[in-house]
Amino acid sequence: MTAMHPTPSGTRDVLPDEMRELRAITDAIRGAFEDAGYGEVWTPAIEFEHVVGRMDGGGGGYRLFDDHGSVLRLRSDLTVPIARVAATRYAKTEPPLRFSSFAHVYRGVKPGRGQMRETLQAGVELIGAQGPDGTAEVLTVLCAALDAAGLREYRIGLGDAGLYPALLASVGVDAQRTAAILDALVARDLVRLSVDVHALGLDATTTGLLTSVPLLRGGVEILDGVDDRVDTGRLRAVHGAVSGAVADRLIFDLGLVRDLDYYTGAVFEIYDPAAGMPLGGGGRYDDLVGQFGRDLPAVGFSVDLNGLHIALAGEQRGERPRAQENPA
């Protein structure tokens, strides 16, 4: 009987047949990035905790020590290391800077949820370009990459990380309660969000506004009837800056808030009917590069290549999952 030597939960071996398919996907995406002028960079899998630990939105779950006793961290995303590169290795270079990357990231996960601890990602970062034009460029590159990989039915959910916090501030919600409500929104726990909003004791009209805005999702027309207290200006500007082909892929989602706290404006996620969860996402992080010493606006995205591979296979078989966390 052959002895079994399992890999840690959330990790797996990739064998030759699948590896050939993944290589074809990465080659196609790499070509799309290169065609758009994004140069590929490679950063260490480990970074000093004091350099990146406070900037990764809490996504990192793995720490270790080097032989000098310094605390190191396995990278939990691609954005923070590239922000460091842009601010330090390109300190005198005229922006905008365009980078792409293909690498594994490592995140702590909750037991029993089937999530991956080690994920292969591809992404780009556009540093030094203001929105909405910079955001529109990155969305265009994202669509070109997914098209090159062969994905056909995908949609991109587009929201604004600052929209709901600004709405809460406009009606006088304090920082502590805002943090709790945003935690519920990130988790897409709309029941808990409703309970927390009702506990604020605001008038019925305001309470109704705060509970209804996160439910607004659809085409650009949903922005037309929104209450004047909800600032949709940045979303409208992005819509006006993208091509018609990209605009047709967009789903406006006023409740979209991503789980990394460095996002400052437009945020987006990738959905496909053959996948049961988002295939990646990104957004604007206009304050992050400045924390490394060079104040530049920025926007980027990452794609889960393993999830993309599964979605491509599902599209080819015409499959749809029974339930989707964020259906398109």
C-alpha atoms as a PDB file:
ATOM      1  CA  MET A   1       0.000   0.000   0.000  1.00  0.00           C
ATOM      2  CA  THR A   2       1.416   3.371  -1.032  1.00  0.00           C
ATOM      3  CA  ALA A   3       1.969   5.789   1.839  1.00  0.00           C
ATOM      4  CA  MET A   4       0.151   9.117   1.556  1.00  0.00           C
ATOM      5  CA  HIS A   5       2.087  12.294   2.273  1.00  0.00           C
ATOM      6  CA  PRO A   6      -0.453  15.131   2.033  1.00  0.00           C
ATOM      7  CA  THR A   7       0.338  18.765   1.369  1.00  0.00           C
ATOM      8  CA  PRO A   8      -0.827  21.399   3.883  1.00  0.00           C
ATOM      9  CA  SER A   9      -4.500  22.355   3.608  1.00  0.00           C
ATOM     10  CA  GLY A  10      -5.034  25.093   1.056  1.00  0.00           C
ATOM     11  CA  THR A  11      -2.089  23.960  -1.095  1.00  0.00           C
ATOM     12  CA  ARG A  12      -1.826  21.388  -3.874  1.00  0.00           C
ATOM     13  CA  ASP A  13       0.475  19.781  -6.417  1.00  0.00           C
ATOM     14  CA  VAL A  14       0.091  20.769 -10.078  1.00  0.00           C
ATOM     15  CA  LEU A  15       0.879  17.941 -12.492  1.00  0.00           C
ATOM     16  CA  PRO A  16       2.114  18.165 -16.103  1.00  0.00           C
ATOM     17  CA  ASP A  17      -1.214  18.140 -18.004  1.00  0.00           C
ATOM     18  CA  GLU A  18      -2.661  20.933 -15.887  1.00  0.00           C
ATOM     19  CA  MET A  19       0.655  22.751 -15.860  1.00  0.00           C
ATOM     20  CA  ARG A  20       0.680  22.862 -19.671  1.00  0.00           C
ATOM     21  CA  GLU A  21      -2.788  24.398 -19.639  1.00  0.00           C
ATOM     22  CA  LEU A  22      -1.806  26.947 -16.979  1.00  0.00           C
ATOM     23  CA  ARG A  23       1.303  27.826 -18.979  1.00  0.00           C
ATOM     24  CA  ALA A  24      -0.822  28.503 -22.077  1.00  0.00           C
ATOM     25  CA  ILE A  25      -3.083  30.774 -20.028  1.00  0.00           C
ATOM     26  CA  THR A  26      -0.190  32.707 -18.509  1.00  0.00           C
ATOM     27  CA  ASP A  27       1.509  33.072 -21.890  1.00  0.00           C
ATOM     28  CA  ALA A  28      -1.675  34.534 -23.394  1.00  0.00           C
ATOM     29  CA  ILE A  29      -2.125  36.963 -20.517  1.00  0.00           C
ATOM     30  CA  ARG A  30       1.552  37.917 -20.534  1.00  0.00           C
ATOM     31  CA  GLY A  31       1.215  38.802 -24.220  1.00  0.00           C
ATOM     32  CA  ALA A  32      -1.771  41.062 -23.476  1.00  0.00           C
ATOM     33  CA  PHE A  33       0.176  42.825 -20.718  1.00  0.00           C
ATOM     34  CA  GLU A  34       3.196  43.320 -22.962  1.00  0.00           C
ATOM     35  CA  ASP A  35       1.045  44.654 -25.801  1.00  0.00           C
ATOM     36  CA  ALA A  36      -0.304  47.279 -23.394  1.00  0.00           C
ATOM     37  CA  GLY A  37       3.205  48.352 -22.363  1.00  0.00           C
ATOM     38  CA  TYR A  38       3.382  46.729 -18.910  1.00  0.00           C
ATOM     39  CA  GLY A  39       6.864  45.460 -18.064  1.00  0.00           C
ATOM     40  CA  GLU A  40       7.127  42.317 -15.961  1.00  0.00           C
ATOM     41  CA  VAL A  41       8.800  42.489 -12.543  1.00  0.00           C
ATOM     42  CA  TRP A  42       9.599  39.853  -9.935  1.00  0.00           C
ATOM     43  CA  THR A  43       9.679  40.614  -6.218  1.00  0.00           C
ATOM     44  CA  PRO A  44      10.707  38.420  -3.269  1.00  0.00           C
ATOM     45  CA  ALA A  45       8.155  36.043  -1.790  1.00  0.00           C
ATOM     46  CA  ILE A  46       9.274  37.317   1.625  1.00  0.00           C
ATOM     47  CA  GLU A  47       9.416  40.933   2.782  1.00  0.00           C
ATOM     48  CA  PHE A  48      10.402  42.587   6.045  1.00  0.00           C
ATOM     49  CA  GLU A  49       7.414  42.849   8.370  1.00  0.00           C
ATOM     50  CA  HIS A  50       8.229  46.456   9.260  1.00  0.00           C
ATOM     51  CA  VAL A  51       8.248  47.390   5.555  1.00  0.00           C
ATOM     52  CA  VAL A  52       4.992  45.843   4.337  1.00  0.00           C
ATOM     53  CA  GLY A  53       3.234  44.451   7.398  1.00  0.00           C
ATOM     54  CA  ARG A  54       1.092  47.499   8.116  1.00  0.00           C
ATOM     55  CA  MET A  55       0.168  48.108   4.482  1.00  0.00           C
ATOM     56  CA  ASP A  56      -1.295  44.845   3.224  1.00  0.00           C
ATOM     57  CA  GLY A  57      -4.758  45.277   4.665  1.00  0.00           C
ATOM     58  CA  GLY A  58      -4.333  42.469   7.161  1.00  0.00           C
ATOM     59  CA  GLY A  59      -4.265  39.865   4.398  1.00  0.00           C
ATOM     60  CA  GLY A  60      -0.932  38.356   5.428  1.00  0.00           C
ATOM     61  CA  GLY A  61      -1.079  35.311   7.645  1.00  0.00           C
ATOM     62  CA  TYR A  62       2.438  33.879   7.585  1.00  0.00           C
ATOM     63  CA  ARG A  63       5.419  35.255   9.480  1.00  0.00           C
ATOM     64  CA  LEU A  64       8.895  33.844  10.004  1.00  0.00           C
ATOM     65  CA  PHE A  65      12.289  34.944  11.331  1.00  0.00           C
ATOM     66  CA  ASP A  66      15.611  35.232   9.552  1.00  0.00           C
ATOM     67  CA  ASP A  67      18.968  34.349  11.100  1.00  0.00           C
ATOM     68  CA  HIS A  68      19.298  37.886  12.501  1.00  0.00           C
ATOM     69  CA  GLY A  69      15.955  37.731  14.310  1.00  0.00           C
ATOM     70  CA  SER A  70      14.164  40.072  11.889  1.00  0.00           C
ATOM     71  CA  VAL A  71      10.474  39.349  11.357  1.00  0.00           C
ATOM     72  CA  LEU A  72       9.646  38.464   7.755  1.00  0.00           C
ATOM     73  CA  ARG A  73       6.303  38.025   6.036  1.00  0.00           C
ATOM     74  CA  LEU A  74       5.240  35.971   3.044  1.00  0.00           C
ATOM     75  CA  ARG A  75       3.640  38.317   0.538  1.00  0.00           C
ATOM     76  CA  SER A  76      -0.156  38.226   0.688  1.00  0.00           C
ATOM     77  CA  ASP A  77      -0.685  40.234  -2.491  1.00  0.00           C
ATOM     78  CA  LEU A  78       1.273  41.616  -5.440  1.00  0.00           C
ATOM     79  CA  THR A  79       0.361  45.278  -5.039  1.00  0.00           C
ATOM     80  CA  VAL A  80       2.250  46.203  -1.879  1.00  0.00           C
ATOM     81  CA  PRO A  81       5.648  44.836  -3.049  1.00  0.00           C
ATOM     82  CA  ILE A  82       5.296  46.606  -6.403  1.00  0.00           C
ATOM     83  CA  ALA A  83       4.345  49.844  -4.645  1.00  0.00           C
ATOM     84  CA  ARG A  84       7.631  49.471  -2.738  1.00  0.00           C
ATOM     85  CA  VAL A  85       9.528  48.893  -5.993  1.00  0.00           C
ATOM     86  CA  ALA A  86       7.944  51.934  -7.649  1.00  0.00           C
ATOM     87  CA  ALA A  87       8.768  54.255  -4.758  1.00  0.00           C
ATOM     88  CA  THR A  88      12.344  53.035  -4.196  1.00  0.00           C
ATOM     89  CA  ARG A  89      13.791  51.571  -7.406  1.00  0.00           C
ATOM     90  CA  TYR A  90      12.041  54.143  -9.618  1.00  0.00           C
ATOM     91  CA  ALA A  91      12.264  57.125  -7.284  1.00  0.00           C
ATOM     92  CA  LYS A  92      13.468  59.479 -10.045  1.00  0.00           C
ATOM     93  CA  THR A  93      11.609  57.983 -13.009  1.00  0.00           C
ATOM     94  CA  GLU A  94       8.922  60.097 -14.612  1.00  0.00           C
ATOM     95  CA  PRO A  95       5.462  58.540 -14.198  1.00  0.00           C
ATOM     96  CA  PRO A  96       3.315  56.844 -15.200  1.00  0.00           C
ATOM     97  CA  LEU A  97       4.971  53.509 -14.406  1.00  0.00           C
ATOM     98  CA  ARG A  98       3.498  50.309 -15.808  1.00  0.00           C
ATOM     99  CA  PHE A  99       4.320  46.961 -14.198  1.00  0.00           C
ATOM    100  CA  SER A 100       3.009  43.414 -14.555  1.00  0.00           C
ATOM    101  CA  SER A 101       3.708  40.355 -12.432  1.00  0.00           C
ATOM    102  CA  PHE A 102       3.039  36.612 -12.176  1.00  0.00           C
ATOM    103  CA  ALA A 103       3.652  35.078  -8.763  1.00  0.00           C
ATOM    104  CA  HIS A 104       2.246  33.102  -5.850  1.00  0.00           C
ATOM    105  CA  VAL A 105       0.722  34.885  -2.861  1.00  0.00           C
ATOM    106  CA  TYR A 106       0.053  33.422   0.582  1.00  0.00           C
ATOM    107  CA  ARG A 107      -2.882  34.145   2.868  1.00  0.00           C
ATOM    108  CA  GLY A 108      -4.204  32.725   6.084  1.00  0.00           C
ATOM    109  CA  VAL A 109      -7.648  31.169   5.635  1.00  0.00           C
ATOM    110  CA  LYS A 110     -10.421  30.008   7.924  1.00  0.00           C
ATOM    111  CA  PRO A 111     -10.552  26.217   8.382  1.00  0.00           C
ATOM    112  CA  GLY A 112     -13.279  24.303   6.579  1.00  0.00           C
ATOM    113  CA  ARG A 113     -13.987  26.848   3.831  1.00  0.00           C
ATOM    114  CA  GLY A 114     -11.965  25.215   1.071  1.00  0.00           C
ATOM    115  CA  GLN A 115      -9.943  28.377   0.455  1.00  0.00           C
ATOM    116  CA  MET A 116      -6.419  28.321  -0.941  1.00  0.00           C
ATOM    117  CA  ARG A 117      -3.481  29.435   1.179  1.00  0.00           C
ATOM    118  CA  GLU A 118      -1.182  29.554  -1.848  1.00  0.00           C
ATOM    119  CA  THR A 119      -2.583  31.209  -4.980  1.00  0.00           C
ATOM    120  CA  LEU A 120      -0.990  31.894  -8.348  1.00  0.00           C
ATOM    121  CA  GLN A 121      -1.871  35.397  -9.526  1.00  0.00           C
ATOM    122  CA  ALA A 122      -1.268  37.625 -12.528  1.00  0.00           C
ATOM    123  CA  GLY A 123      -1.713  41.366 -12.353  1.00  0.00           C
ATOM    124  CA  VAL A 124      -0.752  44.855 -13.420  1.00  0.00           C
ATOM    125  CA  GLU A 125      -0.127  48.109 -11.576  1.00  0.00           C
ATOM    126  CA  LEU A 126      -0.411  51.541 -13.200  1.00  0.00           C
ATOM    127  CA  ILE A 127       1.406  54.013 -10.964  1.00  0.00           C
ATOM    128  CA  GLY A 128       1.292  57.759 -11.428  1.00  0.00           C
ATOM    129  CA  ALA A 129      -1.917  57.978 -13.498  1.00  0.00           C
ATOM    130  CA  GLN A 130      -4.939  59.761 -12.080  1.00  0.00           C
ATOM    131  CA  GLY A 131      -8.475  58.423 -12.319  1.00  0.00           C
ATOM    132  CA  PRO A 132     -10.731  58.094 -14.179  1.00  0.00           C
ATOM    133  CA  ASP A 133      -8.425  57.761 -17.202  1.00  0.00           C
ATOM    134  CA  GLY A 134      -5.956  55.562 -15.328  1.00  0.00           C
ATOM    135  CA  THR A 135      -8.767  53.380 -14.015  1.00  0.00           C
ATOM    136  CA  ALA A 136     -10.192  53.080 -17.527  1.00  0.00           C
ATOM    137  CA  GLU A 137      -6.789  51.991 -18.874  1.00  0.00           C
ATOM    138  CA  VAL A 138      -6.429  49.247 -16.290  1.00  0.00           C
ATOM    139  CA  LEU A 139      -9.969  47.998 -16.894  1.00  0.00           C
ATOM    140  CA  THR A 140      -9.164  47.886 -20.606  1.00  0.00           C
ATOM    141  CA  VAL A 141      -6.003  45.839 -19.948  1.00  0.00           C
ATOM    142  CA  LEU A 142      -7.978  43.501 -17.685  1.00  0.00           C
ATOM    143  CA  CYS A 143     -10.551  42.840 -20.417  1.00  0.00           C
ATOM    144  CA  ALA A 144      -7.800  42.327 -23.001  1.00  0.00           C
ATOM    145  CA  ALA A 145      -6.093  39.778 -20.729  1.00  0.00           C
ATOM    146  CA  LEU A 146      -9.284  37.823 -20.042  1.00  0.00           C
ATOM    147  CA  ASP A 147     -10.155  37.875 -23.738  1.00  0.00           C
ATOM    148  CA  ALA A 148      -6.670  36.613 -24.618  1.00  0.00           C
ATOM    149  CA  ALA A 149      -7.026  33.783 -22.104  1.00  0.00           C
ATOM    150  CA  GLY A 150     -10.251  32.733 -23.828  1.00  0.00           C
ATOM    151  CA  LEU A 151     -12.815  33.695 -21.185  1.00  0.00           C
ATOM    152  CA  ARG A 152     -16.051  34.734 -22.868  1.00  0.00           C
ATOM    153  CA  GLU A 153     -18.883  35.267 -20.392  1.00  0.00           C
ATOM    154  CA  TYR A 154     -17.151  37.302 -17.702  1.00  0.00           C
ATOM    155  CA  ARG A 155     -18.394  40.526 -16.172  1.00  0.00           C
ATOM    156  CA  ILE A 156     -16.605  43.106 -14.006  1.00  0.00           C
ATOM    157  CA  GLY A 157     -18.326  44.424 -10.915  1.00  0.00           C
ATOM    158  CA  LEU A 158     -17.424  48.108 -10.418  1.00  0.00           C
ATOM    159  CA  GLY A 159     -17.861  50.008  -7.177  1.00  0.00           C
ATOM    160  CA  ASP A 160     -16.297  52.851  -5.217  1.00  0.00           C
ATOM    161  CA  ALA A 161     -14.463  52.106  -1.959  1.00  0.00           C
ATOM    162  CA  GLY A 162     -15.150  55.639  -0.708  1.00  0.00           C
ATOM    163  CA  LEU A 163     -18.843  55.815  -1.544  1.00  0.00           C
ATOM    164  CA  TYR A 164     -20.428  54.080   1.447  1.00  0.00           C
ATOM    165  CA  PRO A 165     -17.970  55.432   4.061  1.00  0.00           C
ATOM    166  CA  ALA A 166     -18.673  58.950   2.769  1.00  0.00           C
ATOM    167  CA  LEU A 167     -22.409  58.308   3.008  1.00  0.00           C
ATOM    168  CA  LEU A 168     -22.047  57.131   6.607  1.00  0.00           C
ATOM    169  CA  ALA A 169     -19.983  60.211   7.460  1.00  0.00           C
ATOM    170  CA  SER A 170     -22.567  62.506   5.852  1.00  0.00           C
ATOM    171  CA  VAL A 171     -25.254  61.281   8.247  1.00  0.00           C
ATOM    172  CA  GLY A 172     -23.015  61.530  11.315  1.00  0.00           C
ATOM    173  CA  VAL A 173     -22.018  57.906  11.960  1.00  0.00           C
ATOM    174  CA  ASP A 174     -18.913  57.727  14.183  1.00  0.00           C
ATOM    175  CA  ALA A 175     -15.707  55.912  13.245  1.00  0.00           C
ATOM    176  CA  GLN A 176     -16.242  52.877  15.485  1.00  0.00           C
ATOM    177  CA  ARG A 177     -19.717  52.126  14.160  1.00  0.00           C
ATOM    178  CA  THR A 178     -18.589  52.843  10.614  1.00  0.00           C
ATOM    179  CA  ALA A 179     -15.850  50.210  10.951  1.00  0.00           C
ATOM    180  CA  ALA A 180     -18.356  47.595  12.151  1.00  0.00           C
ATOM    181  CA  ILE A 181     -20.777  48.343   9.321  1.00  0.00           C
ATOM    182  CA  LEU A 182     -18.007  48.212   6.715  1.00  0.00           C
ATOM    183  CA  ASP A 183     -16.861  44.845   8.096  1.00  0.00           C
ATOM    184  CA  ALA A 184     -20.356  43.512   7.449  1.00  0.00           C
ATOM    185  CA  LEU A 185     -20.332  45.009   3.952  1.00  0.00           C
ATOM    186  CA  VAL A 186     -16.950  43.454   3.083  1.00  0.00           C
ATOM    187  CA  ALA A 187     -18.317  40.078   4.210  1.00  0.00           C
ATOM    188  CA  ARG A 188     -21.501  40.664   2.170  1.00  0.00           C
ATOM    189  CA  ASP A 189     -23.426  40.019   5.379  1.00  0.00           C
ATOM    190  CA  LEU A 190     -26.379  42.262   4.569  1.00  0.00           C
ATOM    191  CA  VAL A 191     -28.402  40.943   7.491  1.00  0.00           C
ATOM    192  CA  ARG A 192     -25.745  42.056   9.979  1.00  0.00           C
ATOM    193  CA  LEU A 193     -25.379  45.353   8.108  1.00  0.00           C
ATOM    194  CA  SER A 194     -29.123  45.963   8.411  1.00  0.00           C
ATOM    195  CA  VAL A 195     -29.064  45.194  12.134  1.00  0.00           C
ATOM    196  CA  ASP A 196     -26.113  47.551  12.690  1.00  0.00           C
ATOM    197  CA  VAL A 197     -27.726  50.335  10.638  1.00  0.00           C
ATOM    198  CA  HIS A 198     -31.048  50.071  12.488  1.00  0.00           C
ATOM    199  CA  ALA A 199     -29.136  50.198  15.783  1.00  0.00           C
ATOM    200  CA  LEU A 200     -27.903  53.683  14.853  1.00  0.00           C
ATOM    201  CA  GLY A 201     -31.341  55.089  15.698  1.00  0.00           C
ATOM    202  CA  LEU A 202     -31.534  57.346  12.647  1.00  0.00           C
ATOM    203  CA  ASP A 203     -34.779  58.497  11.027  1.00  0.00           C
ATOM    204  CA  ALA A 204     -36.634  56.049   8.792  1.00  0.00           C
ATOM    205  CA  THR A 205     -35.635  57.762   5.537  1.00  0.00           C
ATOM    206  CA  THR A 206     -31.926  57.711   6.359  1.00  0.00           C
ATOM    207  CA  THR A 207     -32.082  54.147   7.647  1.00  0.00           C
ATOM    208  CA  GLY A 208     -33.798  53.089   4.445  1.00  0.00           C
ATOM    209  CA  LEU A 209     -31.110  54.803   2.394  1.00  0.00           C
ATOM    210  CA  LEU A 210     -28.261  53.128   4.278  1.00  0.00           C
ATOM    211  CA  THR A 211     -29.797  49.670   3.930  1.00  0.00           C
ATOM    212  CA  SER A 212     -30.862  50.037   0.282  1.00  0.00           C
ATOM    213  CA  VAL A 213     -27.705  51.492  -1.284  1.00  0.00           C
ATOM    214  CA  PRO A 214     -25.612  48.288  -0.868  1.00  0.00           C
ATOM    215  CA  LEU A 215     -28.319  46.392  -2.767  1.00  0.00           C
ATOM    216  CA  LEU A 216     -28.057  48.558  -5.889  1.00  0.00           C
ATOM    217  CA  ARG A 217     -26.428  46.536  -8.647  1.00  0.00           C
ATOM    218  CA  GLY A 218     -26.850  46.580 -12.417  1.00  0.00           C
ATOM    219  CA  GLY A 219     -26.203  48.674 -15.488  1.00  0.00           C
ATOM    220  CA  VAL A 220     -25.159  52.313 -15.503  1.00  0.00           C
ATOM    221  CA  GLU A 221     -28.825  53.302 -15.331  1.00  0.00           C
ATOM    222  CA  ILE A 222     -28.926  52.415 -11.610  1.00  0.00           C
ATOM    223  CA  LEU A 223     -26.865  55.552 -10.942  1.00  0.00           C
ATOM    224  CA  ASP A 224     -29.592  57.834 -12.255  1.00  0.00           C
ATOM    225  CA  GLY A 225     -32.127  57.432  -9.468  1.00  0.00           C
ATOM    226  CA  VAL A 226     -29.747  57.393  -6.511  1.00  0.00           C
ATOM    227  CA  ASP A 227     -30.275  59.819  -3.622  1.00  0.00           C
ATOM    228  CA  ASP A 228     -28.271  63.047  -3.929  1.00  0.00           C
ATOM    229  CA  ARG A 229     -26.380  62.152  -0.754  1.00  0.00           C
ATOM    230  CA  VAL A 230     -24.750  59.227  -2.602  1.00  0.00           C
ATOM    231  CA  ASP A 231     -21.779  60.475  -4.625  1.00  0.00           C
ATOM    232  CA  THR A 232     -21.624  58.444  -7.840  1.00  0.00           C
ATOM    233  CA  GLY A 233     -19.476  60.968  -9.705  1.00  0.00           C
ATOM    234  CA  ARG A 234     -16.356  58.817  -9.866  1.00  0.00           C
ATOM    235  CA  LEU A 235     -18.287  55.822 -11.168  1.00  0.00           C
ATOM    236  CA  ARG A 236     -19.892  57.930 -13.870  1.00  0.00           C
ATOM    237  CA  ALA A 237     -16.492  59.312 -14.831  1.00  0.00           C
ATOM    238  CA  VAL A 238     -15.010  55.836 -15.234  1.00  0.00           C
ATOM    239  CA  HIS A 239     -17.973  54.764 -17.337  1.00  0.00           C
ATOM    240  CA  GLY A 240     -17.428  57.770 -19.564  1.00  0.00           C
ATOM    241  CA  ALA A 241     -13.715  57.018 -19.967  1.00  0.00           C
ATOM    242  CA  VAL A 242     -13.908  53.358 -21.076  1.00  0.00           C
ATOM    243  CA  SER A 243     -14.700  52.081 -24.535  1.00  0.00           C
ATOM    244  CA  GLY A 244     -18.103  50.683 -25.380  1.00  0.00           C
ATOM    245  CA  ALA A 245     -16.743  47.126 -25.365  1.00  0.00           C
ATOM    246  CA  VAL A 246     -15.434  47.515 -21.812  1.00  0.00           C
ATOM    247  CA  ALA A 247     -18.566  49.349 -20.652  1.00  0.00           C
ATOM    248  CA  ASP A 248     -20.644  46.377 -21.822  1.00  0.00           C
ATOM    249  CA  ARG A 249     -18.728  44.180 -19.364  1.00  0.00           C
ATOM    250  CA  LEU A 250     -19.389  46.408 -16.340  1.00  0.00           C
ATOM    251  CA  ILE A 251     -21.878  45.779 -13.546  1.00  0.00           C
ATOM    252  CA  PHE A 252     -22.192  48.765 -11.211  1.00  0.00           C
ATOM    253  CA  ASP A 253     -22.308  47.621  -7.590  1.00  0.00           C
ATOM    254  CA  LEU A 254     -22.783  50.307  -4.922  1.00  0.00           C
ATOM    255  CA  GLY A 255     -22.214  47.758  -2.160  1.00  0.00           C
ATOM    256  CA  LEU A 256     -18.847  46.547  -3.439  1.00  0.00           C
ATOM    257  CA  VAL A 257     -16.077  46.991  -0.868  1.00  0.00           C
ATOM    258  CA  ARG A 258     -12.930  44.853  -1.129  1.00  0.00           C
ATOM    259  CA  ASP A 259     -11.137  43.236   1.815  1.00  0.00           C
ATOM    260  CA  LEU A 260      -7.897  45.241   1.545  1.00  0.00           C
ATOM    261  CA  ASP A 261      -8.099  48.575   3.306  1.00  0.00           C
ATOM    262  CA  TYR A 262      -5.703  50.524   1.065  1.00  0.00           C
ATOM    263  CA  TYR A 263      -8.307  51.085  -1.660  1.00  0.00           C
ATOM    264  CA  THR A 264      -9.342  54.722  -2.051  1.00  0.00           C
ATOM    265  CA  GLY A 265     -11.650  54.947  -5.075  1.00  0.00           C
ATOM    266  CA  ALA A 266     -12.869  52.665  -7.845  1.00  0.00           C
ATOM    267  CA  VAL A 267     -12.794  48.961  -6.918  1.00  0.00           C
ATOM    268  CA  PHE A 268     -13.693  46.018  -9.095  1.00  0.00           C
ATOM    269  CA  GLU A 269     -14.108  42.240  -9.108  1.00  0.00           C
ATOM    270  CA  ILE A 270     -14.173  39.655 -11.909  1.00  0.00           C
ATOM    271  CA  TYR A 271     -17.154  37.322 -12.201  1.00  0.00           C
ATOM    272  CA  ASP A 272     -17.923  34.465 -14.553  1.00  0.00           C
ATOM    273  CA  PRO A 273     -21.006  32.216 -14.567  1.00  0.00           C
ATOM    274  CA  ALA A 274     -18.753  29.123 -14.622  1.00  0.00           C
ATOM    275  CA  ALA A 275     -17.091  30.148 -11.339  1.00  0.00           C
ATOM    276  CA  GLY A 276     -18.573  30.139  -7.862  1.00  0.00           C
ATOM    277  CA  MET A 277     -16.535  33.047  -6.557  1.00  0.00           C
ATOM    278  CA  PRO A 278     -14.730  36.148  -7.906  1.00  0.00           C
ATOM    279  CA  LEU A 279     -11.760  35.387 -10.155  1.00  0.00           C
ATOM    280  CA  GLY A 280      -9.841  38.416  -8.911  1.00  0.00           C
ATOM    281  CA  GLY A 281     -10.166  42.150  -8.720  1.00  0.00           C
ATOM    282  CA  GLY A 282      -8.456  45.406  -7.932  1.00  0.00           C
ATOM    283  CA  GLY A 283      -8.945  49.120  -7.645  1.00  0.00           C
ATOM    284  CA  ARG A 284      -7.374  52.479  -6.917  1.00  0.00           C
ATOM    285  CA  TYR A 285      -4.880  52.830  -4.066  1.00  0.00           C
ATOM    286  CA  ASP A 286      -3.864  56.474  -4.319  1.00  0.00           C
ATOM    287  CA  ASP A 287      -2.283  56.671  -0.835  1.00  0.00           C
ATOM    288  CA  LEU A 288      -0.261  53.434  -0.731  1.00  0.00           C
ATOM    289  CA  VAL A 289       2.834  54.326  -2.774  1.00  0.00           C
ATOM    290  CA  GLY A 290       3.263  57.484  -0.702  1.00  0.00           C
ATOM    291  CA  GLN A 291       3.772  55.333   2.400  1.00  0.00           C
ATOM    292  CA  PHE A 292       7.000  54.115   0.789  1.00  0.00           C
ATOM    293  CA  GLY A 293       8.218  57.667   0.182  1.00  0.00           C
ATOM    294  CA  ARG A 294       6.883  58.717  -3.208  1.00  0.00           C
ATOM    295  CA  ASP A 295       3.398  60.203  -3.374  1.00  0.00           C
ATOM    296  CA  LEU A 296       1.817  58.827  -6.557  1.00  0.00           C
ATOM    297  CA  PRO A 297      -1.744  57.773  -7.392  1.00  0.00           C
ATOM    298  CA  ALA A 298      -2.117  54.191  -8.544  1.00  0.00           C
ATOM    299  CA  VAL A 299      -4.532  51.522  -9.718  1.00  0.00           C
ATOM    300  CA  GLY A 300      -4.151  47.822 -10.472  1.00  0.00           C
ATOM    301  CA  PHE A 301      -5.655  44.349 -10.415  1.00  0.00           C
ATOM    302  CA  SER A 302      -4.813  40.696  -9.919  1.00  0.00           C
ATOM    303  CA  VAL A 303      -6.372  37.565 -11.425  1.00  0.00           C
ATOM    304  CA  ASP A 304      -6.489  34.179  -9.692  1.00  0.00           C
ATOM    305  CA  LEU A 305      -5.016  31.989 -12.432  1.00  0.00           C
ATOM    306  CA  ASN A 306      -6.175  28.720 -10.894  1.00  0.00           C
ATOM    307  CA  GLY A 307      -9.718  30.067 -10.638  1.00  0.00           C
ATOM    308  CA  LEU A 308      -9.492  31.355 -14.205  1.00  0.00           C
ATOM    309  CA  HIS A 309      -8.384  27.907 -15.372  1.00  0.00           C
ATOM    310  CA  ILE A 310     -11.416  26.322 -13.678  1.00  0.00           C
ATOM    311  CA  ALA A 311     -13.758  28.933 -15.187  1.00  0.00           C
ATOM    312  CA  LEU A 312     -12.352  28.345 -18.674  1.00  0.00           C
ATOM    313  CA  ALA A 313     -12.923  24.609 -18.338  1.00  0.00           C
ATOM    314  CA  GLY A 314     -16.439  25.223 -17.033  1.00  0.00           C
ATOM    315  CA  GLU A 315     -17.281  27.546 -19.916  1.00  0.00           C
ATOM    316  CA  GLN A 316     -16.096  24.929 -22.388  1.00  0.00           C
ATOM    317  CA  ARG A 317     -18.382  22.340 -20.770  1.00  0.00           C
ATOM    318  CA  GLY A 318     -21.258  24.815 -20.451  1.00  0.00           C
ATOM    319  CA  GLU A 319     -21.337  24.412 -16.684  1.00  0.00           C
ATOM    320  CA  ARG A 320     -22.763  26.819 -14.124  1.00  0.00           C
ATOM    321  CA  PRO A 321     -22.311  26.406 -10.375  1.00  0.00           C
ATOM    322  CA  ARG A 322     -25.406  25.841  -8.272  1.00  0.00           C
ATOM    323  CA  ALA A 323     -24.715  28.942  -6.194  1.00  0.00           C
ATOM    324  CA  GLN A 324     -22.460  31.896  -6.792  1.00  0.00           C
ATOM    325  CA  GLU A 325     -21.108  34.218  -4.152  1.00  0.00           C
ATOM    326  CA  ASN A 326     -21.228  37.143  -6.580  1.00  0.00           C
ATOM    327  CA  PRO A 327     -23.280  36.061  -9.595  1.00  0.00           C
ATOM    328  CA  ALA A 328     -22.885  38.089 -12.734  1.00  0.00           C
END
